[in-house]
Amino acid sequence: MTRSRAALHAAGWALALVIGTAAAQLRTLPPEAKRGSIRHQHDMVVSISGRPMQLAAGAQIRDASNRIVVPAALPADVLVKFTVDPAGHVNRVWILTDAEAAQPDPRR
């Protein structure tokens, strides 16, 4: 194997390790996160398990692939875990994967 081919081969393996490591990372949801179903109402207001709640300024909503979603793009009545800030506004939302949704809710 030539030196340049060996370097290319090594670079390919390094890239595969980085991609494999990134894919293996699991998101961890905070233990204090509450569970409910969410629906976008209007502007910065969502309904979680039928209760209207204000989204905090800078609130993040993440889909099951951990990508950020804007409130208007929320699927209706999808199962989520969420946290609230000290003012009671929803500040973080995670749309649950099928595996996460199948887990029992430890808060109940």
PDB file of N, CA and C in Angstrom:
ATOM      1  N   MET A   1       0.859  -1.176   0.000  1.00  0.00           N
ATOM      2  CA  MET A   1       0.000   0.000   0.000  1.00  0.00           C
ATOM      3  C   MET A   1       0.900   1.233   0.000  1.00  0.00           C
ATOM      4  N   THR A   2       0.632   2.176  -0.863  1.00  0.00           N
ATOM      5  CA  THR A   2       1.448   3.384  -0.928  1.00  0.00           C
ATOM      6  C   THR A   2       1.164   4.272   0.277  1.00  0.00           C
ATOM      7  N   ARG A   3       2.082   5.198   0.521  1.00  0.00           N
ATOM      8  CA  ARG A   3       1.960   6.080   1.681  1.00  0.00           C
ATOM      9  C   ARG A   3       0.690   6.920   1.607  1.00  0.00           C
ATOM     10  N   SER A   4       0.357   7.483   0.440  1.00  0.00           N
ATOM     11  CA  SER A   4      -0.844   8.322   0.306  1.00  0.00           C
ATOM     12  C   SER A   4      -2.113   7.485   0.456  1.00  0.00           C
ATOM     13  N   ARG A   5      -2.068   6.266  -0.048  1.00  0.00           N
ATOM     14  CA  ARG A   5      -3.233   5.396   0.093  1.00  0.00           C
ATOM     15  C   ARG A   5      -3.417   4.982   1.553  1.00  0.00           C
ATOM     16  N   ALA A   6      -2.327   4.729   2.248  1.00  0.00           N
ATOM     17  CA  ALA A   6      -2.396   4.376   3.666  1.00  0.00           C
ATOM     18  C   ALA A   6      -2.953   5.550   4.479  1.00  0.00           C
ATOM     19  N   ALA A   7      -2.539   6.754   4.148  1.00  0.00           N
ATOM     20  CA  ALA A   7      -3.047   7.943   4.848  1.00  0.00           C
ATOM     21  C   ALA A   7      -4.540   8.120   4.586  1.00  0.00           C
ATOM     22  N   LEU A   8      -4.968   7.894   3.357  1.00  0.00           N
ATOM     23  CA  LEU A   8      -6.383   7.996   3.010  1.00  0.00           C
ATOM     24  C   LEU A   8      -7.186   6.922   3.752  1.00  0.00           C
ATOM     25  N   HIS A   9      -6.640   5.735   3.819  1.00  0.00           N
ATOM     26  CA  HIS A   9      -7.278   4.627   4.528  1.00  0.00           C
ATOM     27  C   HIS A   9      -7.433   4.972   6.021  1.00  0.00           C
ATOM     28  N   ALA A  10      -6.383   5.500   6.633  1.00  0.00           N
ATOM     29  CA  ALA A  10      -6.412   5.889   8.050  1.00  0.00           C
ATOM     30  C   ALA A  10      -7.425   7.012   8.283  1.00  0.00           C
ATOM     31  N   ALA A  11      -7.473   7.953   7.372  1.00  0.00           N
ATOM     32  CA  ALA A  11      -8.437   9.055   7.495  1.00  0.00           C
ATOM     33  C   ALA A  11      -9.869   8.534   7.407  1.00  0.00           C
ATOM     34  N   GLY A  12     -10.090   7.570   6.546  1.00  0.00           N
ATOM     35  CA  GLY A  12     -11.419   6.963   6.427  1.00  0.00           C
ATOM     36  C   GLY A  12     -11.839   6.284   7.723  1.00  0.00           C
ATOM     37  N   TRP A  13     -10.922   5.554   8.337  1.00  0.00           N
ATOM     38  CA  TRP A  13     -11.231   4.903   9.614  1.00  0.00           C
ATOM     39  C   TRP A  13     -11.493   5.936  10.706  1.00  0.00           C
ATOM     40  N   ALA A  14     -10.718   6.997  10.738  1.00  0.00           N
ATOM     41  CA  ALA A  14     -10.926   8.050  11.739  1.00  0.00           C
ATOM     42  C   ALA A  14     -12.304   8.685  11.566  1.00  0.00           C
ATOM     43  N   LEU A  15     -12.688   8.946  10.332  1.00  0.00           N
ATOM     44  CA  LEU A  15     -14.004   9.518  10.059  1.00  0.00           C
ATOM     45  C   LEU A  15     -15.114   8.568  10.498  1.00  0.00           C
ATOM     46  N   ALA A  16     -14.935   7.284  10.224  1.00  0.00           N
ATOM     47  CA  ALA A  16     -15.936   6.286  10.631  1.00  0.00           C
ATOM     48  C   ALA A  16     -16.073   6.241  12.145  1.00  0.00           C
ATOM     49  N   LEU A  17     -14.981   6.372  12.859  1.00  0.00           N
ATOM     50  CA  LEU A  17     -15.039   6.387  14.330  1.00  0.00           C
ATOM     51  C   LEU A  17     -15.789   7.607  14.845  1.00  0.00           C
ATOM     52  N   VAL A  18     -15.514   8.755  14.261  1.00  0.00           N
ATOM     53  CA  VAL A  18     -16.195   9.981  14.685  1.00  0.00           C
ATOM     54  C   VAL A  18     -17.693   9.888  14.415  1.00  0.00           C
ATOM     55  N   ILE A  19     -18.062   9.424  13.238  1.00  0.00           N
ATOM     56  CA  ILE A  19     -19.481   9.294  12.885  1.00  0.00           C
ATOM     57  C   ILE A  19     -20.147   8.260  13.785  1.00  0.00           C
ATOM     58  N   GLY A  20     -19.482   7.150  14.026  1.00  0.00           N
ATOM     59  CA  GLY A  20     -20.037   6.117  14.890  1.00  0.00           C
ATOM     60  C   GLY A  20     -20.232   6.608  16.308  1.00  0.00           C
ATOM     61  N   THR A  21     -19.287   7.380  16.810  1.00  0.00           N
ATOM     62  CA  THR A  21     -19.398   7.928  18.158  1.00  0.00           C
ATOM     63  C   THR A  21     -20.554   8.914  18.243  1.00  0.00           C
ATOM     64  N   ALA A  22     -20.699   9.764  17.245  1.00  0.00           N
ATOM     65  CA  ALA A  22     -21.792  10.742  17.247  1.00  0.00           C
ATOM     66  C   ALA A  22     -23.142  10.040  17.167  1.00  0.00           C
ATOM     67  N   ALA A  23     -23.234   9.006  16.369  1.00  0.00           N
ATOM     68  CA  ALA A  23     -24.501   8.298  16.231  1.00  0.00           C
ATOM     69  C   ALA A  23     -24.850   7.533  17.498  1.00  0.00           C
ATOM     70  N   ALA A  24     -23.840   7.125  18.260  1.00  0.00           N
ATOM     71  CA  ALA A  24     -24.090   6.339  19.460  1.00  0.00           C
ATOM     72  C   ALA A  24     -24.505   7.194  20.647  1.00  0.00           C
ATOM     73  N   GLN A  25     -24.344   8.501  20.551  1.00  0.00           N
ATOM     74  CA  GLN A  25     -24.702   9.373  21.669  1.00  0.00           C
ATOM     75  C   GLN A  25     -26.210   9.394  21.841  1.00  0.00           C
ATOM     76  N   LEU A  26     -26.641   9.161  23.057  1.00  0.00           N
ATOM     77  CA  LEU A  26     -28.050   9.210  23.372  1.00  0.00           C
ATOM     78  C   LEU A  26     -28.342  10.509  24.090  1.00  0.00           C
ATOM     79  N   ARG A  27     -29.473  11.078  23.814  1.00  0.00           N
ATOM     80  CA  ARG A  27     -29.825  12.287  24.544  1.00  0.00           C
ATOM     81  C   ARG A  27     -30.339  11.875  25.910  1.00  0.00           C
ATOM     82  N   THR A  28     -30.055  12.677  26.882  1.00  0.00           N
ATOM     83  CA  THR A  28     -30.553  12.410  28.225  1.00  0.00           C
ATOM     84  C   THR A  28     -31.535  13.510  28.586  1.00  0.00           C
ATOM     85  N   LEU A  29     -32.677  13.100  29.049  1.00  0.00           N
ATOM     86  CA  LEU A  29     -33.698  14.043  29.455  1.00  0.00           C
ATOM     87  C   LEU A  29     -33.570  14.263  30.952  1.00  0.00           C
ATOM     88  N   PRO A  30     -33.707  15.502  31.411  1.00  0.00           N
ATOM     89  CA  PRO A  30     -33.552  15.753  32.843  1.00  0.00           C
ATOM     90  C   PRO A  30     -34.607  15.003  33.657  1.00  0.00           C
ATOM     91  N   PRO A  31     -34.231  14.505  34.819  1.00  0.00           N
ATOM     92  CA  PRO A  31     -35.187  13.737  35.633  1.00  0.00           C
ATOM     93  C   PRO A  31     -36.397  14.549  36.074  1.00  0.00           C
ATOM     94  N   GLU A  32     -36.250  15.864  36.142  1.00  0.00           N
ATOM     95  CA  GLU A  32     -37.377  16.704  36.565  1.00  0.00           C
ATOM     96  C   GLU A  32     -38.357  17.015  35.427  1.00  0.00           C
ATOM     97  N   ALA A  33     -38.030  16.579  34.211  1.00  0.00           N
ATOM     98  CA  ALA A  33     -38.908  16.834  33.059  1.00  0.00           C
ATOM     99  C   ALA A  33     -40.249  16.133  33.261  1.00  0.00           C
ATOM    100  N   LYS A  34     -41.295  16.858  32.959  1.00  0.00           N
ATOM    101  CA  LYS A  34     -42.651  16.321  33.065  1.00  0.00           C
ATOM    102  C   LYS A  34     -43.063  15.752  31.719  1.00  0.00           C
ATOM    103  N   ARG A  35     -44.050  14.892  31.743  1.00  0.00           N
ATOM    104  CA  ARG A  35     -44.512  14.233  30.524  1.00  0.00           C
ATOM    105  C   ARG A  35     -45.914  14.718  30.177  1.00  0.00           C
ATOM    106  N   GLY A  36     -46.195  14.869  28.902  1.00  0.00           N
ATOM    107  CA  GLY A  36     -47.523  15.270  28.463  1.00  0.00           C
ATOM    108  C   GLY A  36     -47.621  15.253  26.953  1.00  0.00           C
ATOM    109  N   SER A  37     -48.793  15.567  26.459  1.00  0.00           N
ATOM    110  CA  SER A  37     -48.967  15.688  25.011  1.00  0.00           C
ATOM    111  C   SER A  37     -49.102  17.169  24.697  1.00  0.00           C
ATOM    112  N   ILE A  38     -48.465  17.590  23.613  1.00  0.00           N
ATOM    113  CA  ILE A  38     -48.386  19.018  23.293  1.00  0.00           C
ATOM    114  C   ILE A  38     -49.113  19.313  21.990  1.00  0.00           C
ATOM    115  N   ARG A  39     -49.601  20.523  21.920  1.00  0.00           N
ATOM    116  CA  ARG A  39     -50.249  21.029  20.711  1.00  0.00           C
ATOM    117  C   ARG A  39     -49.992  22.541  20.666  1.00  0.00           C
ATOM    118  N   HIS A  40     -49.621  23.040  19.491  1.00  0.00           N
ATOM    119  CA  HIS A  40     -49.431  24.481  19.334  1.00  0.00           C
ATOM    120  C   HIS A  40     -50.791  25.162  19.271  1.00  0.00           C
ATOM    121  N   GLN A  41     -50.971  26.224  20.042  1.00  0.00           N
ATOM    122  CA  GLN A  41     -52.227  26.973  20.040  1.00  0.00           C
ATOM    123  C   GLN A  41     -52.123  28.192  19.116  1.00  0.00           C
ATOM    124  N   HIS A  42     -51.269  29.131  19.503  1.00  0.00           N
ATOM    125  CA  HIS A  42     -51.011  30.331  18.701  1.00  0.00           C
ATOM    126  C   HIS A  42     -49.787  31.028  19.259  1.00  0.00           C
ATOM    127  N   ASP A  43     -49.114  31.772  18.412  1.00  0.00           N
ATOM    128  CA  ASP A  43     -47.920  32.532  18.797  1.00  0.00           C
ATOM    129  C   ASP A  43     -47.009  31.690  19.690  1.00  0.00           C
ATOM    130  N   MET A  44     -46.819  32.123  20.925  1.00  0.00           N
ATOM    131  CA  MET A  44     -45.932  31.437  21.868  1.00  0.00           C
ATOM    132  C   MET A  44     -46.730  30.681  22.937  1.00  0.00           C
ATOM    133  N   VAL A  45     -47.910  30.227  22.563  1.00  0.00           N
ATOM    134  CA  VAL A  45     -48.759  29.476  23.496  1.00  0.00           C
ATOM    135  C   VAL A  45     -48.951  28.060  22.964  1.00  0.00           C
ATOM    136  N   VAL A  46     -48.710  27.100  23.848  1.00  0.00           N
ATOM    137  CA  VAL A  46     -48.945  25.697  23.532  1.00  0.00           C
ATOM    138  C   VAL A  46     -49.942  25.160  24.550  1.00  0.00           C
ATOM    139  N   SER A  47     -50.500  24.032  24.230  1.00  0.00           N
ATOM    140  CA  SER A  47     -51.368  23.326  25.166  1.00  0.00           C
ATOM    141  C   SER A  47     -50.662  22.021  25.501  1.00  0.00           C
ATOM    142  N   ILE A  48     -50.395  21.801  26.782  1.00  0.00           N
ATOM    143  CA  ILE A  48     -49.768  20.556  27.207  1.00  0.00           C
ATOM    144  C   ILE A  48     -50.769  19.803  28.066  1.00  0.00           C
ATOM    145  N   SER A  49     -51.151  18.630  27.577  1.00  0.00           N
ATOM    146  CA  SER A  49     -52.176  17.804  28.231  1.00  0.00           C
ATOM    147  C   SER A  49     -53.434  18.615  28.518  1.00  0.00           C
ATOM    148  N   GLY A  50     -53.804  19.461  27.530  1.00  0.00           N
ATOM    149  CA  GLY A  50     -55.028  20.244  27.617  1.00  0.00           C
ATOM    150  C   GLY A  50     -54.908  21.545  28.385  1.00  0.00           C
ATOM    151  N   ARG A  51     -53.747  21.837  28.944  1.00  0.00           N
ATOM    152  CA  ARG A  51     -53.552  23.059  29.730  1.00  0.00           C
ATOM    153  C   ARG A  51     -52.742  24.084  28.934  1.00  0.00           C
ATOM    154  N   PRO A  52     -53.307  25.274  28.669  1.00  0.00           N
ATOM    155  CA  PRO A  52     -52.541  26.292  27.933  1.00  0.00           C
ATOM    156  C   PRO A  52     -51.317  26.741  28.733  1.00  0.00           C
ATOM    157  N   MET A  53     -50.179  26.815  28.061  1.00  0.00           N
ATOM    158  CA  MET A  53     -48.935  27.239  28.710  1.00  0.00           C
ATOM    159  C   MET A  53     -48.156  28.144  27.770  1.00  0.00           C
ATOM    160  N   GLN A  54     -47.522  29.127  28.333  1.00  0.00           N
ATOM    161  CA  GLN A  54     -46.700  30.082  27.590  1.00  0.00           C
ATOM    162  C   GLN A  54     -45.309  29.507  27.378  1.00  0.00           C
ATOM    163  N   LEU A  55     -44.771  29.648  26.170  1.00  0.00           N
ATOM    164  CA  LEU A  55     -43.382  29.287  25.917  1.00  0.00           C
ATOM    165  C   LEU A  55     -42.491  30.415  26.397  1.00  0.00           C
ATOM    166  N   ALA A  56     -41.398  30.079  27.025  1.00  0.00           N
ATOM    167  CA  ALA A  56     -40.435  31.080  27.482  1.00  0.00           C
ATOM    168  C   ALA A  56     -39.724  31.687  26.279  1.00  0.00           C
ATOM    169  N   ALA A  57     -39.201  32.888  26.459  1.00  0.00           N
ATOM    170  CA  ALA A  57     -38.365  33.488  25.418  1.00  0.00           C
ATOM    171  C   ALA A  57     -37.143  32.586  25.253  1.00  0.00           C
ATOM    172  N   GLY A  58     -36.841  32.198  24.044  1.00  0.00           N
ATOM    173  CA  GLY A  58     -35.707  31.312  23.786  1.00  0.00           C
ATOM    174  C   GLY A  58     -35.997  29.849  24.048  1.00  0.00           C
ATOM    175  N   ALA A  59     -37.258  29.498  24.180  1.00  0.00           N
ATOM    176  CA  ALA A  59     -37.617  28.090  24.403  1.00  0.00           C
ATOM    177  C   ALA A  59     -37.112  27.228  23.251  1.00  0.00           C
ATOM    178  N   GLN A  60     -36.705  26.013  23.576  1.00  0.00           N
ATOM    179  CA  GLN A  60     -36.247  25.072  22.553  1.00  0.00           C
ATOM    180  C   GLN A  60     -37.176  23.877  22.521  1.00  0.00           C
ATOM    181  N   ILE A  61     -37.606  23.525  21.332  1.00  0.00           N
ATOM    182  CA  ILE A  61     -38.404  22.327  21.109  1.00  0.00           C
ATOM    183  C   ILE A  61     -37.574  21.425  20.205  1.00  0.00           C
ATOM    184  N   ARG A  62     -37.308  20.213  20.655  1.00  0.00           N
ATOM    185  CA  ARG A  62     -36.490  19.271  19.879  1.00  0.00           C
ATOM    186  C   ARG A  62     -37.328  18.075  19.465  1.00  0.00           C
ATOM    187  N   ASP A  63     -37.167  17.666  18.203  1.00  0.00           N
ATOM    188  CA  ASP A  63     -37.915  16.509  17.712  1.00  0.00           C
ATOM    189  C   ASP A  63     -37.227  15.218  18.150  1.00  0.00           C
ATOM    190  N   ALA A  64     -37.745  14.092  17.725  1.00  0.00           N
ATOM    191  CA  ALA A  64     -37.206  12.799  18.135  1.00  0.00           C
ATOM    192  C   ALA A  64     -35.779  12.584  17.635  1.00  0.00           C
ATOM    193  N   SER A  65     -35.363  13.317  16.606  1.00  0.00           N
ATOM    194  CA  SER A  65     -33.986  13.248  16.108  1.00  0.00           C
ATOM    195  C   SER A  65     -33.115  14.324  16.720  1.00  0.00           C
ATOM    196  N   ASN A  66     -33.651  15.029  17.705  1.00  0.00           N
ATOM    197  CA  ASN A  66     -32.957  16.083  18.458  1.00  0.00           C
ATOM    198  C   ASN A  66     -32.718  17.350  17.638  1.00  0.00           C
ATOM    199  N   ARG A  67     -33.484  17.546  16.571  1.00  0.00           N
ATOM    200  CA  ARG A  67     -33.402  18.784  15.786  1.00  0.00           C
ATOM    201  C   ARG A  67     -34.377  19.793  16.376  1.00  0.00           C
ATOM    202  N   ILE A  68     -34.045  21.060  16.263  1.00  0.00           N
ATOM    203  CA  ILE A  68     -34.923  22.111  16.786  1.00  0.00           C
ATOM    204  C   ILE A  68     -36.119  22.286  15.862  1.00  0.00           C
ATOM    205  N   VAL A  69     -37.302  22.424  16.463  1.00  0.00           N
ATOM    206  CA  VAL A  69     -38.562  22.568  15.745  1.00  0.00           C
ATOM    207  C   VAL A  69     -39.202  23.878  16.185  1.00  0.00           C
ATOM    208  N   VAL A  70     -39.773  24.633  15.256  1.00  0.00           N
ATOM    209  CA  VAL A  70     -40.505  25.841  15.629  1.00  0.00           C
ATOM    210  C   VAL A  70     -41.890  25.432  16.133  1.00  0.00           C
ATOM    211  N   PRO A  71     -42.468  26.212  17.046  1.00  0.00           N
ATOM    212  CA  PRO A  71     -43.753  25.818  17.641  1.00  0.00           C
ATOM    213  C   PRO A  71     -44.853  25.507  16.626  1.00  0.00           C
ATOM    214  N   ALA A  72     -44.941  26.294  15.558  1.00  0.00           N
ATOM    215  CA  ALA A  72     -46.000  26.084  14.572  1.00  0.00           C
ATOM    216  C   ALA A  72     -45.848  24.761  13.823  1.00  0.00           C
ATOM    217  N   ALA A  73     -44.656  24.157  13.848  1.00  0.00           N
ATOM    218  CA  ALA A  73     -44.415  22.903  13.147  1.00  0.00           C
ATOM    219  C   ALA A  73     -44.623  21.677  14.043  1.00  0.00           C
ATOM    220  N   LEU A  74     -45.101  21.895  15.262  1.00  0.00           N
ATOM    221  CA  LEU A  74     -45.337  20.766  16.164  1.00  0.00           C
ATOM    222  C   LEU A  74     -46.447  19.872  15.635  1.00  0.00           C
ATOM    223  N   PRO A  75     -46.219  18.561  15.623  1.00  0.00           N
ATOM    224  CA  PRO A  75     -47.329  17.666  15.298  1.00  0.00           C
ATOM    225  C   PRO A  75     -48.365  17.757  16.422  1.00  0.00           C
ATOM    226  N   ALA A  76     -49.626  17.632  16.107  1.00  0.00           N
ATOM    227  CA  ALA A  76     -50.681  17.748  17.118  1.00  0.00           C
ATOM    228  C   ALA A  76     -50.663  16.567  18.075  1.00  0.00           C
ATOM    229  N   ASP A  77     -50.772  16.871  19.344  1.00  0.00           N
ATOM    230  CA  ASP A  77     -50.908  15.868  20.401  1.00  0.00           C
ATOM    231  C   ASP A  77     -49.805  14.812  20.407  1.00  0.00           C
ATOM    232  N   VAL A  78     -48.583  15.250  20.203  1.00  0.00           N
ATOM    233  CA  VAL A  78     -47.442  14.349  20.247  1.00  0.00           C
ATOM    234  C   VAL A  78     -46.953  14.273  21.702  1.00  0.00           C
ATOM    235  N   LEU A  79     -46.444  13.108  22.095  1.00  0.00           N
ATOM    236  CA  LEU A  79     -45.975  12.893  23.456  1.00  0.00           C
ATOM    237  C   LEU A  79     -44.608  13.531  23.648  1.00  0.00           C
ATOM    238  N   VAL A  80     -44.459  14.300  24.730  1.00  0.00           N
ATOM    239  CA  VAL A  80     -43.229  15.039  24.996  1.00  0.00           C
ATOM    240  C   VAL A  80     -42.846  14.934  26.464  1.00  0.00           C
ATOM    241  N   LYS A  81     -41.618  15.331  26.731  1.00  0.00           N
ATOM    242  CA  LYS A  81     -41.154  15.653  28.074  1.00  0.00           C
ATOM    243  C   LYS A  81     -40.814  17.132  28.001  1.00  0.00           C
ATOM    244  N   PHE A  82     -41.050  17.867  29.086  1.00  0.00           N
ATOM    245  CA  PHE A  82     -40.801  19.302  29.070  1.00  0.00           C
ATOM    246  C   PHE A  82     -40.373  19.791  30.441  1.00  0.00           C
ATOM    247  N   THR A  83     -39.691  20.929  30.449  1.00  0.00           N
ATOM    248  CA  THR A  83     -39.327  21.596  31.696  1.00  0.00           C
ATOM    249  C   THR A  83     -39.872  23.019  31.648  1.00  0.00           C
ATOM    250  N   VAL A  84     -40.037  23.589  32.824  1.00  0.00           N
ATOM    251  CA  VAL A  84     -40.505  24.965  32.930  1.00  0.00           C
ATOM    252  C   VAL A  84     -39.461  25.786  33.676  1.00  0.00           C
ATOM    253  N   ASP A  85     -39.451  27.078  33.403  1.00  0.00           N
ATOM    254  CA  ASP A  85     -38.543  27.986  34.099  1.00  0.00           C
ATOM    255  C   ASP A  85     -39.187  28.441  35.415  1.00  0.00           C
ATOM    256  N   PRO A  86     -38.483  29.241  36.215  1.00  0.00           N
ATOM    257  CA  PRO A  86     -39.047  29.685  37.497  1.00  0.00           C
ATOM    258  C   PRO A  86     -40.355  30.478  37.369  1.00  0.00           C
ATOM    259  N   ALA A  87     -40.585  31.094  36.211  1.00  0.00           N
ATOM    260  CA  ALA A  87     -41.826  31.851  36.001  1.00  0.00           C
ATOM    261  C   ALA A  87     -42.980  30.943  35.575  1.00  0.00           C
ATOM    262  N   GLY A  88     -42.697  29.653  35.376  1.00  0.00           N
ATOM    263  CA  GLY A  88     -43.740  28.716  34.959  1.00  0.00           C
ATOM    264  C   GLY A  88     -43.913  28.611  33.461  1.00  0.00           C
ATOM    265  N   HIS A  89     -43.007  29.232  32.694  1.00  0.00           N
ATOM    266  CA  HIS A  89     -43.064  29.150  31.237  1.00  0.00           C
ATOM    267  C   HIS A  89     -42.297  27.922  30.761  1.00  0.00           C
ATOM    268  N   VAL A  90     -42.794  27.292  29.714  1.00  0.00           N
ATOM    269  CA  VAL A  90     -42.147  26.107  29.141  1.00  0.00           C
ATOM    270  C   VAL A  90     -40.860  26.559  28.457  1.00  0.00           C
ATOM    271  N   ASN A  91     -39.725  25.994  28.900  1.00  0.00           N
ATOM    272  CA  ASN A  91     -38.467  26.442  28.301  1.00  0.00           C
ATOM    273  C   ASN A  91     -37.747  25.362  27.488  1.00  0.00           C
ATOM    274  N   ARG A  92     -38.005  24.084  27.746  1.00  0.00           N
ATOM    275  CA  ARG A  92     -37.399  23.006  26.965  1.00  0.00           C
ATOM    276  C   ARG A  92     -38.451  21.927  26.714  1.00  0.00           C
ATOM    277  N   VAL A  93     -38.493  21.448  25.476  1.00  0.00           N
ATOM    278  CA  VAL A  93     -39.441  20.392  25.096  1.00  0.00           C
ATOM    279  C   VAL A  93     -38.685  19.372  24.256  1.00  0.00           C
ATOM    280  N   TRP A  94     -38.908  18.098  24.561  1.00  0.00           N
ATOM    281  CA  TRP A  94     -38.336  17.003  23.775  1.00  0.00           C
ATOM    282  C   TRP A  94     -39.477  16.130  23.287  1.00  0.00           C
ATOM    283  N   ILE A  95     -39.655  16.034  21.977  1.00  0.00           N
ATOM    284  CA  ILE A  95     -40.626  15.097  21.417  1.00  0.00           C
ATOM    285  C   ILE A  95     -40.023  13.712  21.607  1.00  0.00           C
ATOM    286  N   LEU A  96     -40.782  12.807  22.199  1.00  0.00           N
ATOM    287  CA  LEU A  96     -40.248  11.499  22.557  1.00  0.00           C
ATOM    288  C   LEU A  96     -40.160  10.556  21.357  1.00  0.00           C
ATOM    289  N   THR A  97     -39.100   9.787  21.341  1.00  0.00           N
ATOM    290  CA  THR A  97     -38.978   8.706  20.360  1.00  0.00           C
ATOM    291  C   THR A  97     -39.924   7.590  20.797  1.00  0.00           C
ATOM    292  N   ASP A  98     -40.140   6.608  19.944  1.00  0.00           N
ATOM    293  CA  ASP A  98     -40.986   5.473  20.321  1.00  0.00           C
ATOM    294  C   ASP A  98     -40.426   4.767  21.552  1.00  0.00           C
ATOM    295  N   ALA A  99     -39.099   4.613  21.605  1.00  0.00           N
ATOM    296  CA  ALA A  99     -38.460   3.940  22.743  1.00  0.00           C
ATOM    297  C   ALA A  99     -38.632   4.756  24.026  1.00  0.00           C
ATOM    298  N   GLU A 100     -38.469   6.081  23.942  1.00  0.00           N
ATOM    299  CA  GLU A 100     -38.653   6.937  25.123  1.00  0.00           C
ATOM    300  C   GLU A 100     -40.105   6.934  25.581  1.00  0.00           C
ATOM    301  N   ALA A 101     -41.034   6.959  24.633  1.00  0.00           N
ATOM    302  CA  ALA A 101     -42.464   6.958  24.966  1.00  0.00           C
ATOM    303  C   ALA A 101     -42.863   5.647  25.631  1.00  0.00           C
ATOM    304  N   ALA A 102     -42.198   4.544  25.287  1.00  0.00           N
ATOM    305  CA  ALA A 102     -42.531   3.242  25.857  1.00  0.00           C
ATOM    306  C   ALA A 102     -42.053   3.107  27.305  1.00  0.00           C
ATOM    307  N   GLN A 103     -41.111   3.953  27.705  1.00  0.00           N
ATOM    308  CA  GLN A 103     -40.603   3.901  29.083  1.00  0.00           C
ATOM    309  C   GLN A 103     -41.676   4.382  30.045  1.00  0.00           C
ATOM    310  N   PRO A 104     -41.794   3.750  31.208  1.00  0.00           N
ATOM    311  CA  PRO A 104     -42.756   4.251  32.191  1.00  0.00           C
ATOM    312  C   PRO A 104     -42.307   5.622  32.700  1.00  0.00           C
ATOM    313  N   ASP A 105     -43.272   6.450  33.034  1.00  0.00           N
ATOM    314  CA  ASP A 105     -42.970   7.789  33.545  1.00  0.00           C
ATOM    315  C   ASP A 105     -42.607   7.666  35.027  1.00  0.00           C
ATOM    316  N   PRO A 106     -41.346   7.912  35.389  1.00  0.00           N
ATOM    317  CA  PRO A 106     -40.941   7.741  36.786  1.00  0.00           C
ATOM    318  C   PRO A 106     -41.602   8.759  37.729  1.00  0.00           C
ATOM    319  N   ARG A 107     -42.164   9.802  37.166  1.00  0.00           N
ATOM    320  CA  ARG A 107     -42.787  10.844  38.013  1.00  0.00           C
ATOM    321  C   ARG A 107     -44.192  10.437  38.456  1.00  0.00           C
ATOM    322  N   ARG A 108     -44.739   9.343  37.948  1.00  0.00           N
ATOM    323  CA  ARG A 108     -46.106   8.945  38.316  1.00  0.00           C
ATOM    324  C   ARG A 108     -46.092   7.893  39.370  1.00  0.00           C
TER     325      ARG A 108
END
